[in-house]
Amino acid sequence: NVTNQWFEAVSQGDHGRMLEMIKTGFSVDTVQISRDEDQNMRLTALMLSTALDFEEVTKLLLKYGANLNAKDAVCFCFLSFRFVVKKKKKILIERHGQQLGRTPLIHGCQKNSLKCIKILIQQESTLVDAGDKKKKTPLMYAAACGFDKVVSYLLEHNPKQINAQDCNGMTALMHAIMSDQRNDECIRFIMSYKPDYTLQNQALSCS
């Protein structure tokens, strides 16, 4: 399977092999269904390389036009049965996706991939503002994971994100405080940007 070969090369950081495949016309935005966080996810190579913090692979993908704004999705597989000639049973696998809307940058923020985060933002600074389907921003993901250096870098690029709220009304500070991966240093840093403490975590519109 060519797609499996492609993602194997990406996961191994084998940019030489990747370049060979690209030159044959293989699309850098090819999607693979991969196991991630106990779910079947539809991911692109750029999401994977950013999560792994593979600097050279990420640069190669961007050089050949990888989509910085690609969104991931959960893939559900259903088995359906159809009767064909001579009553032989044929199993058809139907794949349906539910978009989570996480960009390559968000994947990097979840994995503390600071080198690749810098590469993506230098390529397109507005990525800092692009949240997922529930409006959870890269800053919120980094804050929830307690990655203070990533939080610092993101706030340097857009301090206004400090008061952004997701669909549940949660800010980056709220995510940092309520997280199982709470990092007090990260919380203190967010507070140094003087967030609005009057904001409340209540359901907001996701439209």
N, C-alpha and C. Protein backbone atom coordinates (compact mmCIF):
# COMPACT_ATOMS: atom_id res chain seq x y z
N ASN A 1 0.84 -1.19 0.00
CA ASN A 1 0.00 0.00 0.00
C ASN A 1 0.88 1.24 0.00
N VAL A 2 0.73 2.08 -1.02
CA VAL A 2 1.58 3.26 -1.18
C VAL A 2 1.37 4.25 -0.04
N THR A 3 0.12 4.39 0.40
CA THR A 3 -0.17 5.33 1.49
C THR A 3 0.54 4.91 2.77
N ASN A 4 0.54 3.62 3.06
CA ASN A 4 1.24 3.12 4.25
C ASN A 4 2.74 3.37 4.15
N GLN A 5 3.29 3.19 2.95
CA GLN A 5 4.72 3.45 2.73
C GLN A 5 5.05 4.92 2.99
N TRP A 6 4.15 5.79 2.54
CA TRP A 6 4.34 7.23 2.73
C TRP A 6 4.36 7.59 4.21
N PHE A 7 3.38 7.12 4.95
CA PHE A 7 3.30 7.47 6.37
C PHE A 7 4.39 6.78 7.19
N GLU A 8 4.85 5.64 6.73
CA GLU A 8 5.98 4.99 7.38
C GLU A 8 7.23 5.84 7.22
N ALA A 9 7.43 6.39 6.02
CA ALA A 9 8.58 7.26 5.77
C ALA A 9 8.51 8.52 6.63
N VAL A 10 7.30 9.08 6.75
CA VAL A 10 7.11 10.28 7.58
C VAL A 10 7.43 9.97 9.04
N SER A 11 6.88 8.87 9.56
CA SER A 11 7.06 8.53 10.97
C SER A 11 8.51 8.18 11.31
N GLN A 12 9.27 7.77 10.30
CA GLN A 12 10.69 7.45 10.50
C GLN A 12 11.60 8.64 10.21
N GLY A 13 11.01 9.74 9.78
CA GLY A 13 11.81 10.92 9.45
C GLY A 13 12.66 10.72 8.21
N ASP A 14 12.21 9.85 7.32
CA ASP A 14 12.98 9.51 6.11
C ASP A 14 12.60 10.46 4.97
N HIS A 15 13.16 11.69 5.00
CA HIS A 15 12.76 12.66 3.98
C HIS A 15 13.31 12.33 2.60
N GLY A 16 14.38 11.51 2.53
CA GLY A 16 14.89 11.09 1.24
C GLY A 16 13.87 10.22 0.51
N ARG A 17 13.31 9.28 1.24
CA ARG A 17 12.28 8.40 0.67
C ARG A 17 11.01 9.19 0.34
N MET A 18 10.69 10.14 1.20
CA MET A 18 9.52 10.98 0.95
C MET A 18 9.68 11.77 -0.33
N LEU A 19 10.87 12.33 -0.52
CA LEU A 19 11.14 13.13 -1.71
C LEU A 19 11.00 12.30 -2.98
N GLU A 20 11.45 11.06 -2.92
CA GLU A 20 11.32 10.16 -4.07
C GLU A 20 9.84 9.96 -4.43
N MET A 21 9.01 9.78 -3.41
CA MET A 21 7.58 9.56 -3.64
C MET A 21 6.90 10.82 -4.16
N ILE A 22 7.31 11.96 -3.63
CA ILE A 22 6.74 13.24 -4.09
C ILE A 22 7.04 13.45 -5.56
N LYS A 23 8.25 13.10 -5.98
CA LYS A 23 8.66 13.31 -7.37
C LYS A 23 7.91 12.39 -8.34
N THR A 24 7.32 11.32 -7.81
CA THR A 24 6.50 10.45 -8.67
C THR A 24 5.06 10.95 -8.76
N GLY A 25 4.77 12.05 -8.04
CA GLY A 25 3.43 12.63 -8.09
C GLY A 25 2.57 12.33 -6.89
N PHE A 26 3.13 11.71 -5.86
CA PHE A 26 2.35 11.39 -4.66
C PHE A 26 1.98 12.68 -3.93
N SER A 27 0.72 12.79 -3.52
CA SER A 27 0.24 14.00 -2.86
C SER A 27 0.68 14.06 -1.40
N VAL A 28 1.26 15.20 -1.00
CA VAL A 28 1.71 15.36 0.38
C VAL A 28 0.53 15.48 1.35
N ASP A 29 -0.67 15.73 0.82
CA ASP A 29 -1.85 15.87 1.67
C ASP A 29 -2.70 14.60 1.72
N THR A 30 -2.12 13.49 1.27
CA THR A 30 -2.83 12.21 1.37
C THR A 30 -3.19 11.93 2.82
N VAL A 31 -4.39 11.43 3.04
CA VAL A 31 -4.88 11.16 4.39
C VAL A 31 -4.78 9.67 4.70
N GLN A 32 -4.38 9.37 5.92
CA GLN A 32 -4.36 7.98 6.38
C GLN A 32 -5.21 7.85 7.63
N ILE A 33 -5.88 6.71 7.76
CA ILE A 33 -6.61 6.43 9.00
C ILE A 33 -5.63 5.77 9.96
N SER A 34 -5.33 6.48 11.04
CA SER A 34 -4.32 6.02 12.00
C SER A 34 -4.91 5.94 13.40
N ARG A 35 -4.32 5.07 14.20
CA ARG A 35 -4.76 4.94 15.59
C ARG A 35 -4.10 6.03 16.41
N ASP A 36 -4.91 6.89 17.01
CA ASP A 36 -4.38 8.00 17.80
C ASP A 36 -5.34 8.28 18.95
N GLU A 37 -4.82 8.30 20.18
CA GLU A 37 -5.64 8.58 21.36
C GLU A 37 -6.83 7.62 21.43
N ASP A 38 -6.58 6.33 21.15
CA ASP A 38 -7.60 5.27 21.24
C ASP A 38 -8.75 5.48 20.26
N GLN A 39 -8.50 6.21 19.19
CA GLN A 39 -9.52 6.42 18.16
C GLN A 39 -8.89 6.26 16.79
N ASN A 40 -9.71 5.93 15.80
CA ASN A 40 -9.24 5.90 14.42
C ASN A 40 -9.33 7.32 13.87
N MET A 41 -8.18 7.90 13.56
CA MET A 41 -8.13 9.29 13.14
C MET A 41 -7.72 9.42 11.68
N ARG A 42 -8.32 10.38 10.99
CA ARG A 42 -7.89 10.73 9.64
C ARG A 42 -6.87 11.85 9.75
N LEU A 43 -5.62 11.51 9.47
CA LEU A 43 -4.51 12.44 9.66
C LEU A 43 -3.74 12.67 8.37
N THR A 44 -3.10 13.83 8.28
CA THR A 44 -2.20 14.11 7.17
C THR A 44 -0.76 13.96 7.66
N ALA A 45 0.16 13.91 6.71
CA ALA A 45 1.58 13.78 7.05
C ALA A 45 2.07 14.98 7.86
N LEU A 46 1.56 16.17 7.55
CA LEU A 46 1.99 17.36 8.28
C LEU A 46 1.56 17.31 9.74
N MET A 47 0.38 16.76 10.00
CA MET A 47 -0.06 16.59 11.39
C MET A 47 0.89 15.66 12.13
N LEU A 48 1.26 14.57 11.47
CA LEU A 48 2.14 13.58 12.08
C LEU A 48 3.54 14.13 12.32
N SER A 49 4.12 14.78 11.31
CA SER A 49 5.49 15.28 11.44
C SER A 49 5.58 16.38 12.49
N THR A 50 4.52 17.20 12.58
CA THR A 50 4.51 18.26 13.59
C THR A 50 4.40 17.67 14.99
N ALA A 51 3.54 16.68 15.15
CA ALA A 51 3.39 16.03 16.46
C ALA A 51 4.70 15.38 16.90
N LEU A 52 5.44 14.82 15.94
CA LEU A 52 6.71 14.16 16.25
C LEU A 52 7.87 15.16 16.36
N ASP A 53 7.60 16.41 16.02
CA ASP A 53 8.60 17.49 16.04
C ASP A 53 9.77 17.19 15.10
N PHE A 54 9.43 16.63 13.92
CA PHE A 54 10.43 16.35 12.89
C PHE A 54 10.61 17.60 12.03
N GLU A 55 11.63 18.36 12.35
CA GLU A 55 11.85 19.66 11.73
C GLU A 55 12.05 19.58 10.21
N GLU A 56 12.97 18.72 9.77
CA GLU A 56 13.29 18.63 8.35
C GLU A 56 12.13 18.07 7.53
N VAL A 57 11.44 17.10 8.09
CA VAL A 57 10.28 16.52 7.40
C VAL A 57 9.19 17.57 7.23
N THR A 58 8.96 18.33 8.28
CA THR A 58 7.94 19.39 8.23
C THR A 58 8.29 20.44 7.18
N LYS A 59 9.55 20.82 7.13
CA LYS A 59 9.99 21.80 6.12
C LYS A 59 9.80 21.26 4.71
N LEU A 60 10.09 19.98 4.52
CA LEU A 60 9.93 19.35 3.21
C LEU A 60 8.46 19.35 2.78
N LEU A 61 7.58 19.00 3.70
CA LEU A 61 6.15 18.97 3.40
C LEU A 61 5.64 20.36 3.02
N LEU A 62 6.09 21.36 3.75
CA LEU A 62 5.66 22.73 3.45
C LEU A 62 6.21 23.21 2.12
N LYS A 63 7.42 22.81 1.81
CA LYS A 63 8.04 23.19 0.53
C LYS A 63 7.20 22.69 -0.64
N TYR A 64 6.58 21.52 -0.47
CA TYR A 64 5.78 20.94 -1.55
C TYR A 64 4.28 21.16 -1.34
N GLY A 65 3.96 22.20 -0.58
CA GLY A 65 2.58 22.68 -0.53
C GLY A 65 1.63 21.98 0.42
N ALA A 66 2.14 21.37 1.48
CA ALA A 66 1.24 20.72 2.45
C ALA A 66 0.26 21.74 3.03
N ASN A 67 -0.96 21.31 3.24
CA ASN A 67 -2.03 22.19 3.71
C ASN A 67 -1.88 22.48 5.21
N LEU A 68 -1.54 23.73 5.53
CA LEU A 68 -1.38 24.14 6.92
C LEU A 68 -2.70 24.16 7.68
N ASN A 69 -3.80 24.27 6.94
CA ASN A 69 -5.11 24.40 7.55
C ASN A 69 -5.93 23.12 7.50
N ALA A 70 -5.29 22.00 7.21
CA ALA A 70 -6.00 20.72 7.17
C ALA A 70 -6.60 20.42 8.54
N LYS A 71 -7.74 19.75 8.55
CA LYS A 71 -8.45 19.42 9.79
C LYS A 71 -8.53 17.90 9.95
N ASP A 72 -8.30 17.43 11.16
CA ASP A 72 -8.41 15.99 11.39
C ASP A 72 -9.85 15.60 11.69
N ALA A 73 -10.09 14.29 11.75
CA ALA A 73 -11.44 13.79 12.01
C ALA A 73 -11.35 12.39 12.61
N VAL A 74 -12.36 12.04 13.40
CA VAL A 74 -12.49 10.68 13.90
C VAL A 74 -13.16 9.86 12.80
N CYS A 75 -12.65 8.68 12.56
CA CYS A 75 -13.22 7.82 11.52
C CYS A 75 -13.96 6.66 12.17
N PHE A 76 -15.23 6.52 11.81
CA PHE A 76 -16.03 5.40 12.29
C PHE A 76 -16.19 4.40 11.16
N CYS A 77 -15.97 3.14 11.44
CA CYS A 77 -16.11 2.10 10.42
C CYS A 77 -17.32 1.22 10.74
N PHE A 78 -18.21 1.10 9.79
CA PHE A 78 -19.40 0.28 9.97
C PHE A 78 -19.35 -0.90 9.01
N LEU A 79 -19.78 -2.05 9.47
CA LEU A 79 -19.86 -3.22 8.60
C LEU A 79 -21.30 -3.37 8.12
N SER A 80 -21.47 -3.45 6.82
CA SER A 80 -22.80 -3.69 6.27
C SER A 80 -22.73 -4.90 5.37
N PHE A 81 -23.83 -5.59 5.23
CA PHE A 81 -23.84 -6.84 4.48
C PHE A 81 -24.71 -6.72 3.24
N ARG A 82 -24.21 -7.26 2.14
CA ARG A 82 -24.96 -7.25 0.88
C ARG A 82 -24.94 -8.67 0.30
N PHE A 83 -26.08 -9.13 -0.19
CA PHE A 83 -26.13 -10.44 -0.83
C PHE A 83 -25.89 -10.27 -2.33
N VAL A 84 -24.97 -11.04 -2.86
CA VAL A 84 -24.65 -10.96 -4.27
C VAL A 84 -25.02 -12.27 -4.96
N VAL A 85 -24.52 -12.47 -6.18
CA VAL A 85 -24.88 -13.66 -6.96
C VAL A 85 -24.62 -14.95 -6.17
N LYS A 86 -25.53 -15.91 -6.31
CA LYS A 86 -25.46 -17.21 -5.65
C LYS A 86 -25.51 -17.09 -4.12
N LYS A 87 -26.10 -15.99 -3.66
CA LYS A 87 -26.33 -15.77 -2.23
C LYS A 87 -25.06 -15.75 -1.39
N LYS A 88 -23.96 -15.42 -2.03
CA LYS A 88 -22.72 -15.27 -1.27
C LYS A 88 -22.75 -13.92 -0.57
N LYS A 89 -22.27 -13.92 0.63
CA LYS A 89 -22.34 -12.70 1.44
C LYS A 89 -21.05 -11.89 1.25
N LYS A 90 -21.22 -10.61 1.02
CA LYS A 90 -20.08 -9.72 0.84
C LYS A 90 -20.12 -8.65 1.92
N ILE A 91 -18.99 -8.42 2.57
CA ILE A 91 -18.92 -7.41 3.62
C ILE A 91 -18.36 -6.12 3.03
N LEU A 92 -19.07 -5.05 3.22
CA LEU A 92 -18.61 -3.74 2.77
C LEU A 92 -18.27 -2.90 3.99
N ILE A 93 -17.11 -2.29 3.98
CA ILE A 93 -16.73 -1.40 5.09
C ILE A 93 -17.00 0.04 4.67
N GLU A 94 -17.87 0.69 5.40
CA GLU A 94 -18.20 2.07 5.10
C GLU A 94 -17.54 2.97 6.14
N ARG A 95 -16.76 3.92 5.69
CA ARG A 95 -16.05 4.80 6.61
C ARG A 95 -16.71 6.18 6.64
N HIS A 96 -16.98 6.63 7.84
CA HIS A 96 -17.60 7.94 8.01
C HIS A 96 -16.74 8.74 8.99
N GLY A 97 -16.58 10.01 8.73
CA GLY A 97 -15.73 10.83 9.59
C GLY A 97 -16.51 11.90 10.32
N GLN A 98 -16.12 12.14 11.55
CA GLN A 98 -16.67 13.25 12.32
C GLN A 98 -15.52 14.21 12.59
N GLN A 99 -15.61 15.39 12.03
CA GLN A 99 -14.50 16.32 12.11
C GLN A 99 -14.26 16.81 13.54
N LEU A 100 -13.00 16.74 13.96
CA LEU A 100 -12.60 17.36 15.22
C LEU A 100 -12.05 18.75 14.95
N GLY A 101 -11.48 18.90 13.76
CA GLY A 101 -11.02 20.22 13.35
C GLY A 101 -9.68 20.64 13.90
N ARG A 102 -8.86 19.68 14.32
CA ARG A 102 -7.54 20.04 14.83
C ARG A 102 -6.55 20.19 13.68
N THR A 103 -5.89 21.32 13.64
CA THR A 103 -4.91 21.62 12.60
C THR A 103 -3.56 20.99 12.94
N PRO A 104 -2.62 20.99 11.99
CA PRO A 104 -1.27 20.52 12.31
C PRO A 104 -0.65 21.26 13.50
N LEU A 105 -0.92 22.57 13.59
CA LEU A 105 -0.39 23.35 14.72
C LEU A 105 -0.93 22.83 16.05
N ILE A 106 -2.21 22.53 16.10
CA ILE A 106 -2.79 22.00 17.34
C ILE A 106 -2.16 20.66 17.71
N HIS A 107 -1.91 19.81 16.71
CA HIS A 107 -1.25 18.53 16.98
C HIS A 107 0.13 18.77 17.60
N GLY A 108 0.83 19.79 17.12
CA GLY A 108 2.13 20.12 17.69
C GLY A 108 2.02 20.64 19.11
N CYS A 109 0.98 21.45 19.36
CA CYS A 109 0.79 22.01 20.70
C CYS A 109 0.43 20.94 21.72
N GLN A 110 -0.20 19.87 21.28
CA GLN A 110 -0.53 18.76 22.18
C GLN A 110 0.69 17.92 22.54
N LYS A 111 1.74 18.02 21.72
CA LYS A 111 2.92 17.17 21.91
C LYS A 111 4.17 17.96 22.30
N ASN A 112 4.01 19.26 22.56
CA ASN A 112 5.14 20.09 22.98
C ASN A 112 6.23 20.18 21.90
N SER A 113 5.79 20.20 20.65
CA SER A 113 6.72 20.18 19.50
C SER A 113 7.11 21.61 19.11
N LEU A 114 7.90 22.24 19.95
CA LEU A 114 8.18 23.67 19.79
C LEU A 114 8.90 24.01 18.48
N LYS A 115 9.83 23.15 18.05
CA LYS A 115 10.56 23.44 16.81
C LYS A 115 9.61 23.53 15.62
N CYS A 116 8.72 22.57 15.51
CA CYS A 116 7.79 22.57 14.37
C CYS A 116 6.69 23.61 14.53
N ILE A 117 6.32 23.91 15.76
CA ILE A 117 5.35 24.98 16.00
C ILE A 117 5.89 26.29 15.45
N LYS A 118 7.16 26.56 15.71
CA LYS A 118 7.78 27.79 15.21
C LYS A 118 7.80 27.82 13.68
N ILE A 119 8.09 26.68 13.07
CA ILE A 119 8.13 26.60 11.60
C ILE A 119 6.76 26.93 11.01
N LEU A 120 5.71 26.34 11.57
CA LEU A 120 4.36 26.56 11.05
C LEU A 120 3.92 28.01 11.20
N ILE A 121 4.18 28.59 12.36
CA ILE A 121 3.75 29.97 12.61
C ILE A 121 4.55 30.96 11.77
N GLN A 122 5.83 30.67 11.56
CA GLN A 122 6.63 31.53 10.68
C GLN A 122 6.11 31.47 9.25
N GLN A 123 5.54 30.34 8.89
CA GLN A 123 4.96 30.18 7.55
C GLN A 123 3.63 30.93 7.44
N GLU A 124 2.83 30.87 8.50
CA GLU A 124 1.51 31.52 8.48
C GLU A 124 1.12 31.89 9.91
N SER A 125 1.29 33.15 10.26
CA SER A 125 1.10 33.61 11.64
C SER A 125 -0.35 33.49 12.13
N THR A 126 -1.32 33.53 11.21
CA THR A 126 -2.73 33.47 11.62
C THR A 126 -3.14 32.10 12.15
N LEU A 127 -2.28 31.10 12.00
CA LEU A 127 -2.58 29.76 12.52
C LEU A 127 -2.81 29.79 14.03
N VAL A 128 -2.21 30.76 14.70
CA VAL A 128 -2.35 30.88 16.16
C VAL A 128 -3.82 31.04 16.55
N ASP A 129 -4.61 31.64 15.66
CA ASP A 129 -6.01 31.93 15.97
C ASP A 129 -6.97 30.81 15.57
N ALA A 130 -6.47 29.82 14.84
CA ALA A 130 -7.35 28.79 14.28
C ALA A 130 -7.64 27.69 15.30
N GLY A 131 -8.86 27.71 15.85
CA GLY A 131 -9.26 26.69 16.82
C GLY A 131 -9.85 25.47 16.14
N ASP A 132 -10.21 24.48 16.93
CA ASP A 132 -10.82 23.27 16.38
C ASP A 132 -12.33 23.48 16.24
N LYS A 133 -13.06 22.39 16.04
CA LYS A 133 -14.50 22.49 15.81
C LYS A 133 -15.22 23.12 17.00
N LYS A 134 -14.65 22.96 18.19
CA LYS A 134 -15.26 23.52 19.40
C LYS A 134 -14.58 24.82 19.84
N LYS A 135 -13.85 25.42 18.90
CA LYS A 135 -13.18 26.71 19.11
C LYS A 135 -12.07 26.65 20.16
N LYS A 136 -11.56 25.48 20.41
CA LYS A 136 -10.42 25.33 21.33
C LYS A 136 -9.15 25.65 20.55
N THR A 137 -8.45 26.69 20.96
CA THR A 137 -7.31 27.21 20.21
C THR A 137 -6.01 26.46 20.53
N PRO A 138 -4.98 26.67 19.70
CA PRO A 138 -3.67 26.07 20.00
C PRO A 138 -3.18 26.46 21.40
N LEU A 139 -3.41 27.72 21.79
CA LEU A 139 -3.00 28.17 23.13
C LEU A 139 -3.71 27.37 24.22
N MET A 140 -4.99 27.12 24.05
CA MET A 140 -5.74 26.35 25.04
C MET A 140 -5.22 24.93 25.16
N TYR A 141 -4.88 24.31 24.02
CA TYR A 141 -4.33 22.96 24.05
C TYR A 141 -3.00 22.94 24.79
N ALA A 142 -2.13 23.90 24.48
CA ALA A 142 -0.82 23.95 25.13
C ALA A 142 -0.96 24.21 26.62
N ALA A 143 -1.89 25.11 26.99
CA ALA A 143 -2.12 25.43 28.40
C ALA A 143 -2.64 24.22 29.16
N ALA A 144 -3.56 23.47 28.54
CA ALA A 144 -4.12 22.28 29.17
C ALA A 144 -3.06 21.20 29.39
N CYS A 145 -2.06 21.19 28.52
CA CYS A 145 -0.97 20.21 28.65
C CYS A 145 0.15 20.70 29.55
N GLY A 146 0.09 21.97 29.94
CA GLY A 146 1.11 22.53 30.83
C GLY A 146 2.43 22.82 30.15
N PHE A 147 2.41 23.03 28.84
CA PHE A 147 3.65 23.28 28.10
C PHE A 147 3.95 24.78 28.10
N ASP A 148 4.67 25.23 29.12
CA ASP A 148 4.87 26.66 29.33
C ASP A 148 5.65 27.34 28.20
N LYS A 149 6.63 26.66 27.61
CA LYS A 149 7.41 27.28 26.53
C LYS A 149 6.56 27.48 25.28
N VAL A 150 5.69 26.53 25.01
CA VAL A 150 4.78 26.66 23.86
C VAL A 150 3.79 27.79 24.13
N VAL A 151 3.24 27.82 25.34
CA VAL A 151 2.31 28.90 25.73
C VAL A 151 2.97 30.26 25.56
N SER A 152 4.21 30.37 26.02
CA SER A 152 4.96 31.62 25.91
C SER A 152 5.10 32.06 24.45
N TYR A 153 5.48 31.11 23.60
CA TYR A 153 5.69 31.43 22.18
C TYR A 153 4.38 31.86 21.51
N LEU A 154 3.30 31.18 21.82
CA LEU A 154 2.01 31.51 21.21
C LEU A 154 1.52 32.89 21.65
N LEU A 155 1.69 33.20 22.92
CA LEU A 155 1.23 34.50 23.42
C LEU A 155 2.09 35.65 22.89
N GLU A 156 3.35 35.38 22.63
CA GLU A 156 4.20 36.40 22.02
C GLU A 156 3.66 36.79 20.66
N HIS A 157 3.09 35.82 19.94
CA HIS A 157 2.59 36.08 18.60
C HIS A 157 1.19 36.68 18.58
N ASN A 158 0.40 36.39 19.59
CA ASN A 158 -0.92 37.01 19.66
C ASN A 158 -1.40 37.07 21.10
N PRO A 159 -1.04 38.14 21.81
CA PRO A 159 -1.46 38.29 23.22
C PRO A 159 -2.98 38.33 23.39
N LYS A 160 -3.71 38.72 22.33
CA LYS A 160 -5.17 38.82 22.43
C LYS A 160 -5.83 37.46 22.64
N GLN A 161 -5.10 36.39 22.34
CA GLN A 161 -5.65 35.05 22.55
C GLN A 161 -5.86 34.74 24.03
N ILE A 162 -5.31 35.57 24.89
CA ILE A 162 -5.39 35.32 26.33
C ILE A 162 -6.84 35.23 26.82
N ASN A 163 -7.76 35.98 26.19
CA ASN A 163 -9.15 35.98 26.63
C ASN A 163 -10.10 35.25 25.67
N ALA A 164 -9.54 34.56 24.69
CA ALA A 164 -10.39 33.78 23.77
C ALA A 164 -11.10 32.68 24.55
N GLN A 165 -12.34 32.37 24.15
CA GLN A 165 -13.12 31.33 24.81
C GLN A 165 -13.57 30.28 23.80
N ASP A 166 -13.57 29.02 24.24
CA ASP A 166 -14.06 27.95 23.38
C ASP A 166 -15.58 27.83 23.52
N CYS A 167 -16.15 26.78 22.96
CA CYS A 167 -17.61 26.63 22.97
C CYS A 167 -18.19 26.45 24.37
N ASN A 168 -17.36 26.08 25.32
CA ASN A 168 -17.80 25.93 26.70
C ASN A 168 -17.46 27.15 27.55
N GLY A 169 -16.99 28.21 26.89
CA GLY A 169 -16.64 29.42 27.61
C GLY A 169 -15.30 29.36 28.31
N MET A 170 -14.53 28.31 28.03
CA MET A 170 -13.24 28.11 28.71
C MET A 170 -12.14 28.94 28.04
N THR A 171 -11.34 29.60 28.86
CA THR A 171 -10.17 30.33 28.37
C THR A 171 -8.92 29.47 28.56
N ALA A 172 -7.79 29.94 28.06
CA ALA A 172 -6.53 29.21 28.24
C ALA A 172 -6.21 29.05 29.72
N LEU A 173 -6.45 30.10 30.51
CA LEU A 173 -6.18 30.02 31.95
C LEU A 173 -7.05 28.96 32.62
N MET A 174 -8.32 28.91 32.25
CA MET A 174 -9.21 27.90 32.82
C MET A 174 -8.75 26.49 32.47
N HIS A 175 -8.35 26.31 31.21
CA HIS A 175 -7.84 25.00 30.79
C HIS A 175 -6.60 24.62 31.59
N ALA A 176 -5.72 25.58 31.81
CA ALA A 176 -4.48 25.32 32.54
C ALA A 176 -4.75 24.94 33.99
N ILE A 177 -5.70 25.63 34.62
CA ILE A 177 -6.01 25.40 36.04
C ILE A 177 -6.73 24.08 36.25
N MET A 178 -7.64 23.74 35.34
CA MET A 178 -8.49 22.56 35.53
C MET A 178 -7.90 21.27 34.95
N SER A 179 -6.75 21.38 34.33
CA SER A 179 -6.15 20.22 33.66
C SER A 179 -5.53 19.22 34.64
N ASP A 180 -5.56 17.93 34.25
CA ASP A 180 -4.87 16.89 35.02
C ASP A 180 -3.36 17.06 34.90
N GLN A 181 -2.93 17.80 33.88
CA GLN A 181 -1.50 18.04 33.66
C GLN A 181 -1.11 19.45 34.10
N ARG A 182 -1.77 19.92 35.13
CA ARG A 182 -1.59 21.28 35.64
C ARG A 182 -0.12 21.59 35.90
N ASN A 183 0.30 22.75 35.40
CA ASN A 183 1.68 23.23 35.57
C ASN A 183 1.60 24.64 36.14
N ASP A 184 1.98 24.80 37.40
CA ASP A 184 1.84 26.10 38.06
C ASP A 184 2.67 27.19 37.39
N GLU A 185 3.81 26.81 36.84
CA GLU A 185 4.64 27.78 36.14
C GLU A 185 3.91 28.31 34.91
N CYS A 186 3.24 27.42 34.22
CA CYS A 186 2.46 27.79 33.04
C CYS A 186 1.31 28.72 33.44
N ILE A 187 0.65 28.41 34.54
CA ILE A 187 -0.46 29.23 35.03
C ILE A 187 0.02 30.63 35.39
N ARG A 188 1.16 30.71 36.09
CA ARG A 188 1.70 32.02 36.47
C ARG A 188 2.04 32.84 35.23
N PHE A 189 2.57 32.17 34.21
CA PHE A 189 2.93 32.90 32.99
C PHE A 189 1.68 33.46 32.31
N ILE A 190 0.63 32.65 32.21
CA ILE A 190 -0.62 33.12 31.60
C ILE A 190 -1.18 34.31 32.39
N MET A 191 -1.11 34.22 33.70
CA MET A 191 -1.63 35.30 34.55
C MET A 191 -0.84 36.59 34.39
N SER A 192 0.42 36.47 33.99
CA SER A 192 1.25 37.67 33.79
C SER A 192 0.76 38.51 32.62
N TYR A 193 -0.08 37.91 31.75
CA TYR A 193 -0.66 38.64 30.62
C TYR A 193 -1.98 39.33 31.00
N LYS A 194 -2.31 39.29 32.29
CA LYS A 194 -3.48 39.97 32.84
C LYS A 194 -4.78 39.59 32.12
N PRO A 195 -5.16 38.32 32.20
CA PRO A 195 -6.42 37.90 31.57
C PRO A 195 -7.63 38.49 32.28
N ASP A 196 -8.76 38.45 31.61
CA ASP A 196 -10.01 38.95 32.18
C ASP A 196 -10.57 37.89 33.13
N TYR A 197 -10.52 38.16 34.43
CA TYR A 197 -10.96 37.18 35.42
C TYR A 197 -12.48 37.15 35.57
N THR A 198 -13.18 38.05 34.89
CA THR A 198 -14.64 38.07 34.99
C THR A 198 -15.30 37.10 34.01
N LEU A 199 -14.53 36.56 33.07
CA LEU A 199 -15.08 35.63 32.09
C LEU A 199 -15.51 34.34 32.78
N GLN A 200 -16.63 33.77 32.33
CA GLN A 200 -17.16 32.56 32.95
C GLN A 200 -17.22 31.42 31.95
N ASN A 201 -17.00 30.20 32.47
CA ASN A 201 -17.05 29.03 31.59
C ASN A 201 -18.49 28.53 31.46
N GLN A 202 -19.18 29.10 30.49
CA GLN A 202 -20.55 28.69 30.19
C GLN A 202 -20.67 28.46 28.69
N ALA A 203 -21.62 27.62 28.31
CA ALA A 203 -21.76 27.25 26.91
C ALA A 203 -21.98 28.47 26.02
N LEU A 204 -21.19 28.54 24.95
CA LEU A 204 -21.31 29.61 23.97
C LEU A 204 -21.69 29.01 22.62
N SER A 205 -21.99 29.85 21.67
CA SER A 205 -22.35 29.38 20.34
C SER A 205 -21.12 28.85 19.61
N CYS A 206 -21.28 27.70 18.94
CA CYS A 206 -20.18 27.12 18.17
C CYS A 206 -20.37 27.32 16.68
N SER A 207 -21.36 28.07 16.30
CA SER A 207 -21.65 28.24 14.87
C SER A 207 -20.63 29.16 14.22
